[in-house]
């Protein structure tokens, strides 16, 4: 059996097909428009929601916030512990320090700077505020912001900027200490001592952190740190070898040094731990290495190796001594 399809009016059929296609295309365009509009509305809604969140939390582009579930209550951290600038005189350079409040309470911090000196043992002595320091960096440095309040889990980047003038004393090294002090408002009234009632308001430091800041302009060269003396000494309880060093270059030296001890009688060998230290131009540092408590008697030779950052050389010295 066969089936035959007969089109009685081809023109009318074609017109109906054309109308059908036109209506189909129109419907599709309407659907696409509705979808695009819905997507755009959702995007705008998300953007507005994000804006509201930023506004609610008060975060800037230099601030981050941990979720409450990730706060470990480990304390407050400041990083890095030092900054090294290489600003050319007549220019400005900025680096960053991050303060993180990983506690469950809000904390306030004040940022300030102080010049300092360093002894040959590495002890730091702060120069009194207002006193001129030959190598002081405080006169050219600033922090933005200089006062922050951090909520639990919040971290804040602090911009540390040095603005070095083009003047003769800017063509040498400089350094200072950045101090990050936690502060709190006084919540008590100072007892009167003059017969009058005096209410004292203000801010008092609670604890603080220090960040060492160094500036070596490009013209200075950390060209030589020497070992000036290498000797053995002991007291009733311990035995030591000492390494005296001196920076004879014009830049701040960032050094590493270690000592290796060999027993010439038994072949015993001991490498003492690595020390890293900073040494300023024209200054000296003394490193003391305590020998192991179980070191035996005999004739020894010790080798001191000093890496002061040169690509071409290291400083070394040898010492012979006897333990009886």
C-alpha atoms as a PDB file:
ATOM      1  CA  UNK A   1       0.000   0.000   0.000  1.00  0.00           C
ATOM      2  CA  UNK A   2       1.359   3.454  -0.863  1.00  0.00           C
ATOM      3  CA  UNK A   3       0.601   6.785   0.606  1.00  0.00           C
ATOM      4  CA  UNK A   4       0.511   9.894  -1.525  1.00  0.00           C
ATOM      5  CA  UNK A   5       0.691  13.387  -0.090  1.00  0.00           C
ATOM      6  CA  UNK A   6      -0.894  16.054  -2.208  1.00  0.00           C
ATOM      7  CA  UNK A   7      -0.302  19.776  -1.707  1.00  0.00           C
ATOM      8  CA  UNK A   8      -3.404  21.514  -2.913  1.00  0.00           C
ATOM      9  CA  UNK A   9      -2.128  25.107  -2.734  1.00  0.00           C
ATOM     10  CA  UNK A  10       1.727  25.383  -2.841  1.00  0.00           C
ATOM     11  CA  UNK A  11       1.750  29.180  -2.578  1.00  0.00           C
ATOM     12  CA  UNK A  12      -0.396  29.160   0.563  1.00  0.00           C
ATOM     13  CA  UNK A  13       1.799  26.410   2.025  1.00  0.00           C
ATOM     14  CA  UNK A  14       4.986  28.371   1.423  1.00  0.00           C
ATOM     15  CA  UNK A  15       3.506  31.465   3.033  1.00  0.00           C
ATOM     16  CA  UNK A  16       2.469  29.465   6.084  1.00  0.00           C
ATOM     17  CA  UNK A  17       5.967  28.016   6.355  1.00  0.00           C
ATOM     18  CA  UNK A  18       7.523  31.446   6.112  1.00  0.00           C
ATOM     19  CA  UNK A  19       5.239  32.757   8.851  1.00  0.00           C
ATOM     20  CA  UNK A  20       6.093  29.757  11.005  1.00  0.00           C
ATOM     21  CA  UNK A  21       9.846  30.336  10.610  1.00  0.00           C
ATOM     22  CA  UNK A  22       9.494  34.058  11.331  1.00  0.00           C
ATOM     23  CA  UNK A  23       7.496  33.370  14.500  1.00  0.00           C
ATOM     24  CA  UNK A  24      10.043  30.736  15.584  1.00  0.00           C
ATOM     25  CA  UNK A  25      12.991  33.126  15.110  1.00  0.00           C
ATOM     26  CA  UNK A  26      11.154  35.887  16.977  1.00  0.00           C
ATOM     27  CA  UNK A  27      10.463  33.527  19.879  1.00  0.00           C
ATOM     28  CA  UNK A  28      14.103  32.467  20.016  1.00  0.00           C
ATOM     29  CA  UNK A  29      15.278  36.100  20.052  1.00  0.00           C
ATOM     30  CA  UNK A  30      12.891  36.895  22.897  1.00  0.00           C
ATOM     31  CA  UNK A  31      14.199  33.911  24.902  1.00  0.00           C
ATOM     32  CA  UNK A  32      17.818  34.937  24.329  1.00  0.00           C
ATOM     33  CA  UNK A  33      17.061  38.519  25.379  1.00  0.00           C
ATOM     34  CA  UNK A  34      15.363  37.364  28.561  1.00  0.00           C
ATOM     35  CA  UNK A  35      18.352  35.083  29.379  1.00  0.00           C
ATOM     36  CA  UNK A  36      20.902  37.865  28.809  1.00  0.00           C
ATOM     37  CA  UNK A  37      18.851  40.286  30.899  1.00  0.00           C
ATOM     38  CA  UNK A  38      18.597  37.739  33.708  1.00  0.00           C
ATOM     39  CA  UNK A  39      22.367  37.110  33.611  1.00  0.00           C
ATOM     40  CA  UNK A  40      23.088  40.828  33.676  1.00  0.00           C
ATOM     41  CA  UNK A  41      20.772  41.331  36.619  1.00  0.00           C
ATOM     42  CA  UNK A  42      22.431  38.477  38.489  1.00  0.00           C
ATOM     43  CA  UNK A  43      25.895  39.933  37.794  1.00  0.00           C
ATOM     44  CA  UNK A  44      24.820  43.383  38.964  1.00  0.00           C
ATOM     45  CA  UNK A  45      23.253  41.873  42.047  1.00  0.00           C
ATOM     46  CA  UNK A  46      26.475  39.974  42.833  1.00  0.00           C
ATOM     47  CA  UNK A  47      28.547  43.109  42.270  1.00  0.00           C
ATOM     48  CA  UNK A  48      26.267  45.079  44.577  1.00  0.00           C
ATOM     49  CA  UNK A  49      26.481  42.304  47.158  1.00  0.00           C
ATOM     50  CA  UNK A  50      30.291  42.315  46.910  1.00  0.00           C
ATOM     51  CA  UNK A  51      30.338  46.079  47.293  1.00  0.00           C
ATOM     52  CA  UNK A  52      28.107  45.817  50.332  1.00  0.00           C
ATOM     53  CA  UNK A  53      30.396  43.215  51.866  1.00  0.00           C
ATOM     54  CA  UNK A  54      33.465  45.353  51.301  1.00  0.00           C
ATOM     55  CA  UNK A  55      31.688  48.338  52.729  1.00  0.00           C
ATOM     56  CA  UNK A  56      30.438  46.359  55.714  1.00  0.00           C
ATOM     57  CA  UNK A  57      33.852  44.930  56.559  1.00  0.00           C
ATOM     58  CA  UNK A  58      35.689  48.175  55.766  1.00  0.00           C
ATOM     59  CA  UNK A  59      38.533  46.414  53.964  1.00  0.00           C
ATOM     60  CA  UNK A  60      40.910  48.151  51.585  1.00  0.00           C
ATOM     61  CA  UNK A  61      42.961  46.589  48.805  1.00  0.00           C
ATOM     62  CA  UNK A  62      45.843  46.223  51.303  1.00  0.00           C
ATOM     63  CA  UNK A  63      43.737  44.368  53.863  1.00  0.00           C
ATOM     64  CA  UNK A  64      42.646  40.735  54.054  1.00  0.00           C
ATOM     65  CA  UNK A  65      40.241  38.990  56.404  1.00  0.00           C
ATOM     66  CA  UNK A  66      40.320  35.375  57.600  1.00  0.00           C
ATOM     67  CA  UNK A  67      37.042  33.526  58.175  1.00  0.00           C
ATOM     68  CA  UNK A  68      36.355  33.001  61.886  1.00  0.00           C
ATOM     69  CA  UNK A  69      36.858  29.249  61.449  1.00  0.00           C
ATOM     70  CA  UNK A  70      40.492  29.784  60.361  1.00  0.00           C
ATOM     71  CA  UNK A  71      41.560  32.033  63.242  1.00  0.00           C
ATOM     72  CA  UNK A  72      44.056  30.031  65.321  1.00  0.00           C
ATOM     73  CA  UNK A  73      44.477  32.554  68.170  1.00  0.00           C
ATOM     74  CA  UNK A  74      48.258  32.133  67.844  1.00  0.00           C
ATOM     75  CA  UNK A  75      48.983  35.830  68.374  1.00  0.00           C
ATOM     76  CA  UNK A  76      50.146  38.792  66.311  1.00  0.00           C
ATOM     77  CA  UNK A  77      52.765  38.523  63.558  1.00  0.00           C
ATOM     78  CA  UNK A  78      54.786  41.157  61.694  1.00  0.00           C
ATOM     79  CA  UNK A  79      56.630  40.190  58.514  1.00  0.00           C
ATOM     80  CA  UNK A  80      59.198  40.444  57.099  1.00  0.00           C
ATOM     81  CA  UNK A  81      61.646  41.086  59.935  1.00  0.00           C
ATOM     82  CA  UNK A  82      63.831  43.348  57.780  1.00  0.00           C
ATOM     83  CA  UNK A  83      63.635  45.472  54.622  1.00  0.00           C
ATOM     84  CA  UNK A  84      66.503  46.260  52.258  1.00  0.00           C
ATOM     85  CA  UNK A  85      66.227  49.352  50.065  1.00  0.00           C
ATOM     86  CA  UNK A  86      68.434  50.284  47.104  1.00  0.00           C
ATOM     87  CA  UNK A  87      67.024  53.753  46.417  1.00  0.00           C
ATOM     88  CA  UNK A  88      69.021  56.141  44.279  1.00  0.00           C
ATOM     89  CA  UNK A  89      69.484  59.642  45.768  1.00  0.00           C
ATOM     90  CA  UNK A  90      66.768  61.899  44.403  1.00  0.00           C
ATOM     91  CA  UNK A  91      64.228  59.063  44.180  1.00  0.00           C
ATOM     92  CA  UNK A  92      61.478  57.355  46.159  1.00  0.00           C
ATOM     93  CA  UNK A  93      61.116  53.646  46.892  1.00  0.00           C
ATOM     94  CA  UNK A  94      58.324  51.747  48.655  1.00  0.00           C
ATOM     95  CA  UNK A  95      58.259  48.297  50.231  1.00  0.00           C
ATOM     96  CA  UNK A  96      55.676  46.618  52.438  1.00  0.00           C
ATOM     97  CA  UNK A  97      55.322  45.127  55.918  1.00  0.00           C
ATOM     98  CA  UNK A  98      52.291  43.036  56.879  1.00  0.00           C
ATOM     99  CA  UNK A  99      50.727  42.996  60.348  1.00  0.00           C
ATOM    100  CA  UNK A 100      48.488  39.990  61.028  1.00  0.00           C
ATOM    101  CA  UNK A 101      46.127  39.781  63.984  1.00  0.00           C
ATOM    102  CA  UNK A 102      45.612  36.041  64.437  1.00  0.00           C
ATOM    103  CA  UNK A 103      43.801  36.483  67.765  1.00  0.00           C
ATOM    104  CA  UNK A 104      40.158  36.548  68.752  1.00  0.00           C
ATOM    105  CA  UNK A 105      40.071  40.202  69.773  1.00  0.00           C
ATOM    106  CA  UNK A 106      40.653  43.504  68.009  1.00  0.00           C
ATOM    107  CA  UNK A 107      44.081  45.097  68.367  1.00  0.00           C
ATOM    108  CA  UNK A 108      45.428  48.587  67.665  1.00  0.00           C
ATOM    109  CA  UNK A 109      48.962  49.312  66.482  1.00  0.00           C
ATOM    110  CA  UNK A 110      51.071  52.420  66.080  1.00  0.00           C
ATOM    111  CA  UNK A 111      54.017  52.513  63.653  1.00  0.00           C
ATOM    112  CA  UNK A 112      57.051  54.698  64.375  1.00  0.00           C
ATOM    113  CA  UNK A 113      60.765  54.798  63.536  1.00  0.00           C
ATOM    114  CA  UNK A 114      63.992  55.231  65.517  1.00  0.00           C
ATOM    115  CA  UNK A 115      67.665  55.478  64.608  1.00  0.00           C
ATOM    116  CA  UNK A 116      70.023  53.095  66.396  1.00  0.00           C
ATOM    117  CA  UNK A 117      73.613  51.992  66.878  1.00  0.00           C
ATOM    118  CA  UNK A 118      74.941  48.445  67.112  1.00  0.00           C
ATOM    119  CA  UNK A 119      77.760  47.139  69.290  1.00  0.00           C
ATOM    120  CA  UNK A 120      80.422  44.664  68.154  1.00  0.00           C
ATOM    121  CA  UNK A 121      78.317  41.940  69.800  1.00  0.00           C
ATOM    122  CA  UNK A 122      75.221  42.916  67.817  1.00  0.00           C
ATOM    123  CA  UNK A 123      73.424  44.640  70.700  1.00  0.00           C
ATOM    124  CA  UNK A 124      71.137  47.449  69.508  1.00  0.00           C
ATOM    125  CA  UNK A 125      71.012  50.835  71.261  1.00  0.00           C
ATOM    126  CA  UNK A 126      68.299  53.279  70.273  1.00  0.00           C
ATOM    127  CA  UNK A 127      69.395  56.838  69.553  1.00  0.00           C
ATOM    128  CA  UNK A 128      67.311  59.354  71.579  1.00  0.00           C
ATOM    129  CA  UNK A 129      64.521  60.982  69.578  1.00  0.00           C
ATOM    130  CA  UNK A 130      65.544  64.327  68.162  1.00  0.00           C
ATOM    131  CA  UNK A 131      69.261  63.532  68.241  1.00  0.00           C
ATOM    132  CA  UNK A 132      70.989  63.653  64.862  1.00  0.00           C
ATOM    133  CA  UNK A 133      72.524  60.370  63.704  1.00  0.00           C
ATOM    134  CA  UNK A 134      75.155  60.312  60.973  1.00  0.00           C
ATOM    135  CA  UNK A 135      73.645  57.261  59.283  1.00  0.00           C
ATOM    136  CA  UNK A 136      70.045  57.770  60.442  1.00  0.00           C
ATOM    137  CA  UNK A 137      67.249  56.896  58.023  1.00  0.00           C
ATOM    138  CA  UNK A 138      64.328  58.250  60.067  1.00  0.00           C
ATOM    139  CA  UNK A 139      64.522  61.676  58.437  1.00  0.00           C
ATOM    140  CA  UNK A 140      63.596  60.162  55.044  1.00  0.00           C
ATOM    141  CA  UNK A 141      61.142  57.413  55.949  1.00  0.00           C
ATOM    142  CA  UNK A 142      57.369  57.213  56.473  1.00  0.00           C
ATOM    143  CA  UNK A 143      54.635  54.593  56.974  1.00  0.00           C
ATOM    144  CA  UNK A 144      51.143  54.564  55.450  1.00  0.00           C
ATOM    145  CA  UNK A 145      49.026  54.088  57.471  1.00  0.00           C
ATOM    146  CA  UNK A 146      50.874  54.845  60.696  1.00  0.00           C
ATOM    147  CA  UNK A 147      48.036  53.677  62.950  1.00  0.00           C
ATOM    148  CA  UNK A 148      45.843  50.619  62.335  1.00  0.00           C
ATOM    149  CA  UNK A 149      43.095  48.750  64.115  1.00  0.00           C
ATOM    150  CA  UNK A 150      42.791  45.088  63.159  1.00  0.00           C
ATOM    151  CA  UNK A 151      39.793  42.880  63.810  1.00  0.00           C
ATOM    152  CA  UNK A 152      40.291  39.206  64.693  1.00  0.00           C
ATOM    153  CA  UNK A 153      41.833  37.425  61.701  1.00  0.00           C
ATOM    154  CA  UNK A 154      42.583  40.615  59.783  1.00  0.00           C
ATOM    155  CA  UNK A 155      45.916  41.395  58.094  1.00  0.00           C
ATOM    156  CA  UNK A 156      47.040  44.839  56.936  1.00  0.00           C
ATOM    157  CA  UNK A 157      49.832  45.805  54.550  1.00  0.00           C
ATOM    158  CA  UNK A 158      51.797  48.877  55.623  1.00  0.00           C
ATOM    159  CA  UNK A 159      53.570  50.870  52.907  1.00  0.00           C
ATOM    160  CA  UNK A 160      57.092  51.849  54.000  1.00  0.00           C
ATOM    161  CA  UNK A 161      58.427  54.644  51.793  1.00  0.00           C
ATOM    162  CA  UNK A 162      61.814  56.308  51.771  1.00  0.00           C
ATOM    163  CA  UNK A 163      62.161  59.636  49.978  1.00  0.00           C
ATOM    164  CA  UNK A 164      65.914  60.081  49.504  1.00  0.00           C
ATOM    165  CA  UNK A 165      67.064  63.608  48.597  1.00  0.00           C
ATOM    166  CA  UNK A 166      69.817  64.253  46.104  1.00  0.00           C
ATOM    167  CA  UNK A 167      72.405  65.558  48.562  1.00  0.00           C
ATOM    168  CA  UNK A 168      75.922  64.434  49.574  1.00  0.00           C
ATOM    169  CA  UNK A 169      74.996  62.460  52.717  1.00  0.00           C
ATOM    170  CA  UNK A 170      72.394  60.485  50.734  1.00  0.00           C
ATOM    171  CA  UNK A 171      75.154  58.743  48.775  1.00  0.00           C
ATOM    172  CA  UNK A 172      76.068  56.521  51.733  1.00  0.00           C
ATOM    173  CA  UNK A 173      74.326  53.772  53.655  1.00  0.00           C
ATOM    174  CA  UNK A 174      71.618  54.502  56.206  1.00  0.00           C
ATOM    175  CA  UNK A 175      69.486  52.443  58.566  1.00  0.00           C
ATOM    176  CA  UNK A 176      66.776  52.641  61.223  1.00  0.00           C
ATOM    177  CA  UNK A 177      64.365  50.507  63.236  1.00  0.00           C
ATOM    178  CA  UNK A 178      60.646  50.376  62.506  1.00  0.00           C
ATOM    179  CA  UNK A 179      58.620  49.850  65.683  1.00  0.00           C
ATOM    180  CA  UNK A 180      55.130  48.331  65.650  1.00  0.00           C
ATOM    181  CA  UNK A 181      53.631  48.900  69.104  1.00  0.00           C
ATOM    182  CA  UNK A 182      50.301  47.593  70.298  1.00  0.00           C
ATOM    183  CA  UNK A 183      48.406  50.376  72.030  1.00  0.00           C
ATOM    184  CA  UNK A 184      45.394  50.614  74.298  1.00  0.00           C
ATOM    185  CA  UNK A 185      43.431  53.476  75.744  1.00  0.00           C
ATOM    186  CA  UNK A 186      43.957  54.265  79.409  1.00  0.00           C
ATOM    187  CA  UNK A 187      40.908  53.188  81.369  1.00  0.00           C
ATOM    188  CA  UNK A 188      41.729  54.619  84.775  1.00  0.00           C
ATOM    189  CA  UNK A 189      41.959  57.972  86.460  1.00  0.00           C
ATOM    190  CA  UNK A 190      45.361  59.031  87.720  1.00  0.00           C
ATOM    191  CA  UNK A 191      45.165  59.740  91.466  1.00  0.00           C
ATOM    192  CA  UNK A 192      45.440  63.467  92.102  1.00  0.00           C
ATOM    193  CA  UNK A 193      48.733  64.602  93.605  1.00  0.00           C
ATOM    194  CA  UNK A 194      48.226  68.348  93.614  1.00  0.00           C
ATOM    195  CA  UNK A 195      44.866  68.629  95.295  1.00  0.00           C
ATOM    196  CA  UNK A 196      43.051  68.835  91.973  1.00  0.00           C
ATOM    197  CA  UNK A 197      41.126  66.203  90.068  1.00  0.00           C
ATOM    198  CA  UNK A 198      42.976  65.287  86.890  1.00  0.00           C
ATOM    199  CA  UNK A 199      41.635  62.752  84.452  1.00  0.00           C
ATOM    200  CA  UNK A 200      44.399  61.407  82.229  1.00  0.00           C
ATOM    201  CA  UNK A 201      43.450  60.228  78.738  1.00  0.00           C
ATOM    202  CA  UNK A 202      45.841  58.841  76.153  1.00  0.00           C
ATOM    203  CA  UNK A 203      47.426  55.759  74.665  1.00  0.00           C
ATOM    204  CA  UNK A 204      49.895  53.411  76.333  1.00  0.00           C
ATOM    205  CA  UNK A 205      52.068  50.765  74.634  1.00  0.00           C
ATOM    206  CA  UNK A 206      51.518  47.118  75.599  1.00  0.00           C
ATOM    207  CA  UNK A 207      53.929  45.093  73.450  1.00  0.00           C
ATOM    208  CA  UNK A 208      55.805  45.718  70.255  1.00  0.00           C
ATOM    209  CA  UNK A 209      57.771  44.372  67.295  1.00  0.00           C
ATOM    210  CA  UNK A 210      60.857  45.629  65.509  1.00  0.00           C
ATOM    211  CA  UNK A 211      61.662  45.589  61.793  1.00  0.00           C
ATOM    212  CA  UNK A 212      65.227  46.434  60.719  1.00  0.00           C
ATOM    213  CA  UNK A 213      65.369  48.731  57.698  1.00  0.00           C
ATOM    214  CA  UNK A 214      68.516  49.190  55.603  1.00  0.00           C
ATOM    215  CA  UNK A 215      69.293  51.529  52.710  1.00  0.00           C
ATOM    216  CA  UNK A 216      72.262  50.849  50.426  1.00  0.00           C
ATOM    217  CA  UNK A 217      72.225  53.351  47.530  1.00  0.00           C
ATOM    218  CA  UNK A 218      73.393  51.859  44.204  1.00  0.00           C
ATOM    219  CA  UNK A 219      76.715  53.717  44.312  1.00  0.00           C
ATOM    220  CA  UNK A 220      77.961  51.947  47.478  1.00  0.00           C
ATOM    221  CA  UNK A 221      79.793  48.650  47.277  1.00  0.00           C
ATOM    222  CA  UNK A 222      79.891  45.938  49.898  1.00  0.00           C
ATOM    223  CA  UNK A 223      83.375  45.188  48.638  1.00  0.00           C
ATOM    224  CA  UNK A 224      85.138  43.834  51.699  1.00  0.00           C
ATOM    225  CA  UNK A 225      84.479  42.430  55.154  1.00  0.00           C
ATOM    226  CA  UNK A 226      87.675  41.167  56.747  1.00  0.00           C
ATOM    227  CA  UNK A 227      88.501  38.681  59.486  1.00  0.00           C
ATOM    228  CA  UNK A 228      90.771  40.720  61.716  1.00  0.00           C
ATOM    229  CA  UNK A 229      91.324  38.184  64.506  1.00  0.00           C
ATOM    230  CA  UNK A 230      90.705  34.467  65.084  1.00  0.00           C
ATOM    231  CA  UNK A 231      91.520  32.992  68.492  1.00  0.00           C
ATOM    232  CA  UNK A 232      90.730  30.285  71.053  1.00  0.00           C
ATOM    233  CA  UNK A 233      89.708  30.889  74.672  1.00  0.00           C
ATOM    234  CA  UNK A 234      87.970  29.087  77.501  1.00  0.00           C
ATOM    235  CA  UNK A 235      86.557  29.457  80.990  1.00  0.00           C
ATOM    236  CA  UNK A 236      85.813  26.949  83.757  1.00  0.00           C
ATOM    237  CA  UNK A 237      82.776  25.549  81.949  1.00  0.00           C
ATOM    238  CA  UNK A 238      83.094  26.117  78.190  1.00  0.00           C
ATOM    239  CA  UNK A 239      85.569  26.460  75.346  1.00  0.00           C
ATOM    240  CA  UNK A 240      85.187  28.956  72.509  1.00  0.00           C
ATOM    241  CA  UNK A 241      86.705  30.161  69.266  1.00  0.00           C
ATOM    242  CA  UNK A 242      86.188  33.824  68.422  1.00  0.00           C
ATOM    243  CA  UNK A 243      86.073  35.507  65.009  1.00  0.00           C
ATOM    244  CA  UNK A 244      86.537  39.295  64.857  1.00  0.00           C
ATOM    245  CA  UNK A 245      85.352  40.950  61.638  1.00  0.00           C
ATOM    246  CA  UNK A 246      85.491  44.477  60.224  1.00  0.00           C
ATOM    247  CA  UNK A 247      83.587  46.085  57.347  1.00  0.00           C
ATOM    248  CA  UNK A 248      86.147  48.033  55.317  1.00  0.00           C
ATOM    249  CA  UNK A 249      83.683  48.737  52.490  1.00  0.00           C
ATOM    250  CA  UNK A 250      81.176  51.600  52.255  1.00  0.00           C
ATOM    251  CA  UNK A 251      77.970  49.552  52.226  1.00  0.00           C
ATOM    252  CA  UNK A 252      75.989  47.590  54.814  1.00  0.00           C
ATOM    253  CA  UNK A 253      77.236  43.993  54.819  1.00  0.00           C
ATOM    254  CA  UNK A 254      74.840  41.051  55.152  1.00  0.00           C
ATOM    255  CA  UNK A 255      77.144  38.193  56.103  1.00  0.00           C
ATOM    256  CA  UNK A 256      77.221  34.466  56.830  1.00  0.00           C
ATOM    257  CA  UNK A 257      80.017  32.740  58.720  1.00  0.00           C
ATOM    258  CA  UNK A 258      80.799  29.286  60.054  1.00  0.00           C
ATOM    259  CA  UNK A 259      83.702  27.513  61.763  1.00  0.00           C
ATOM    260  CA  UNK A 260      84.915  23.955  61.196  1.00  0.00           C
ATOM    261  CA  UNK A 261      87.099  22.223  63.819  1.00  0.00           C
ATOM    262  CA  UNK A 262      89.390  19.234  63.106  1.00  0.00           C
ATOM    263  CA  UNK A 263      91.342  17.104  65.589  1.00  0.00           C
ATOM    264  CA  UNK A 264      94.783  16.509  64.076  1.00  0.00           C
ATOM    265  CA  UNK A 265      95.343  13.400  66.246  1.00  0.00           C
ATOM    266  CA  UNK A 266      92.091  11.481  65.775  1.00  0.00           C
ATOM    267  CA  UNK A 267      90.560  12.922  62.613  1.00  0.00           C
ATOM    268  CA  UNK A 268      87.479  14.061  64.551  1.00  0.00           C
ATOM    269  CA  UNK A 269      85.651  16.835  62.614  1.00  0.00           C
ATOM    270  CA  UNK A 270      82.896  19.190  63.733  1.00  0.00           C
ATOM    271  CA  UNK A 271      81.214  21.968  61.737  1.00  0.00           C
ATOM    272  CA  UNK A 272      79.812  24.614  64.071  1.00  0.00           C
ATOM    273  CA  UNK A 273      76.505  26.205  63.247  1.00  0.00           C
ATOM    274  CA  UNK A 274      76.140  28.964  60.649  1.00  0.00           C
ATOM    275  CA  UNK A 275      75.750  32.531  61.871  1.00  0.00           C
ATOM    276  CA  UNK A 276      74.114  35.325  59.876  1.00  0.00           C
ATOM    277  CA  UNK A 277      74.792  38.916  60.854  1.00  0.00           C
ATOM    278  CA  UNK A 278      74.711  42.522  59.678  1.00  0.00           C
ATOM    279  CA  UNK A 279      77.758  44.773  59.834  1.00  0.00           C
ATOM    280  CA  UNK A 280      77.729  48.503  59.143  1.00  0.00           C
ATOM    281  CA  UNK A 281      80.447  50.427  57.254  1.00  0.00           C
ATOM    282  CA  UNK A 282      83.609  50.944  59.315  1.00  0.00           C
ATOM    283  CA  UNK A 283      82.281  48.843  62.197  1.00  0.00           C
ATOM    284  CA  UNK A 284      83.384  45.596  63.817  1.00  0.00           C
ATOM    285  CA  UNK A 285      81.512  42.460  64.896  1.00  0.00           C
ATOM    286  CA  UNK A 286      82.759  39.668  67.155  1.00  0.00           C
ATOM    287  CA  UNK A 287      81.333  36.176  66.687  1.00  0.00           C
ATOM    288  CA  UNK A 288      81.747  33.566  69.387  1.00  0.00           C
ATOM    289  CA  UNK A 289      81.414  29.843  68.671  1.00  0.00           C
ATOM    290  CA  UNK A 290      81.067  27.508  71.596  1.00  0.00           C
ATOM    291  CA  UNK A 291      82.830  24.170  71.113  1.00  0.00           C
ATOM    292  CA  UNK A 292      80.919  20.950  71.886  1.00  0.00           C
ATOM    293  CA  UNK A 293      81.027  20.001  75.554  1.00  0.00           C
ATOM    294  CA  UNK A 294      82.304  16.494  74.761  1.00  0.00           C
ATOM    295  CA  UNK A 295      85.216  17.634  72.635  1.00  0.00           C
ATOM    296  CA  UNK A 296      88.310  15.663  73.581  1.00  0.00           C
ATOM    297  CA  UNK A 297      91.878  16.622  74.302  1.00  0.00           C
ATOM    298  CA  UNK A 298      94.339  17.040  71.461  1.00  0.00           C
ATOM    299  CA  UNK A 299      95.737  19.311  68.806  1.00  0.00           C
ATOM    300  CA  UNK A 300      93.153  21.072  66.651  1.00  0.00           C
ATOM    301  CA  UNK A 301      92.958  23.232  63.577  1.00  0.00           C
ATOM    302  CA  UNK A 302      89.931  25.476  63.080  1.00  0.00           C
ATOM    303  CA  UNK A 303      88.884  27.099  59.804  1.00  0.00           C
ATOM    304  CA  UNK A 304      86.621  30.162  59.725  1.00  0.00           C
ATOM    305  CA  UNK A 305      84.773  30.982  56.481  1.00  0.00           C
ATOM    306  CA  UNK A 306      83.072  34.352  55.960  1.00  0.00           C
ATOM    307  CA  UNK A 307      80.706  35.063  53.048  1.00  0.00           C
ATOM    308  CA  UNK A 308      80.034  38.820  52.848  1.00  0.00           C
ATOM    309  CA  UNK A 309      77.993  38.786  49.632  1.00  0.00           C
ATOM    310  CA  UNK A 310      80.757  39.099  47.054  1.00  0.00           C
ATOM    311  CA  UNK A 311      80.390  37.154  43.813  1.00  0.00           C
ATOM    312  CA  UNK A 312      84.155  36.831  43.550  1.00  0.00           C
ATOM    313  CA  UNK A 313      85.583  35.933  46.943  1.00  0.00           C
ATOM    314  CA  UNK A 314      85.035  34.790  50.525  1.00  0.00           C
ATOM    315  CA  UNK A 315      87.193  35.512  53.526  1.00  0.00           C
ATOM    316  CA  UNK A 316      88.845  32.615  55.395  1.00  0.00           C
ATOM    317  CA  UNK A 317      91.265  32.126  58.281  1.00  0.00           C
ATOM    318  CA  UNK A 318      92.903  29.191  60.083  1.00  0.00           C
ATOM    319  CA  UNK A 319      93.769  28.705  63.730  1.00  0.00           C
ATOM    320  CA  UNK A 320      95.776  25.999  65.509  1.00  0.00           C
ATOM    321  CA  UNK A 321      95.107  25.401  69.192  1.00  0.00           C
ATOM    322  CA  UNK A 322      95.496  22.683  71.809  1.00  0.00           C
ATOM    323  CA  UNK A 323      93.035  21.339  74.374  1.00  0.00           C
ATOM    324  CA  UNK A 324      94.710  19.786  77.409  1.00  0.00           C
END
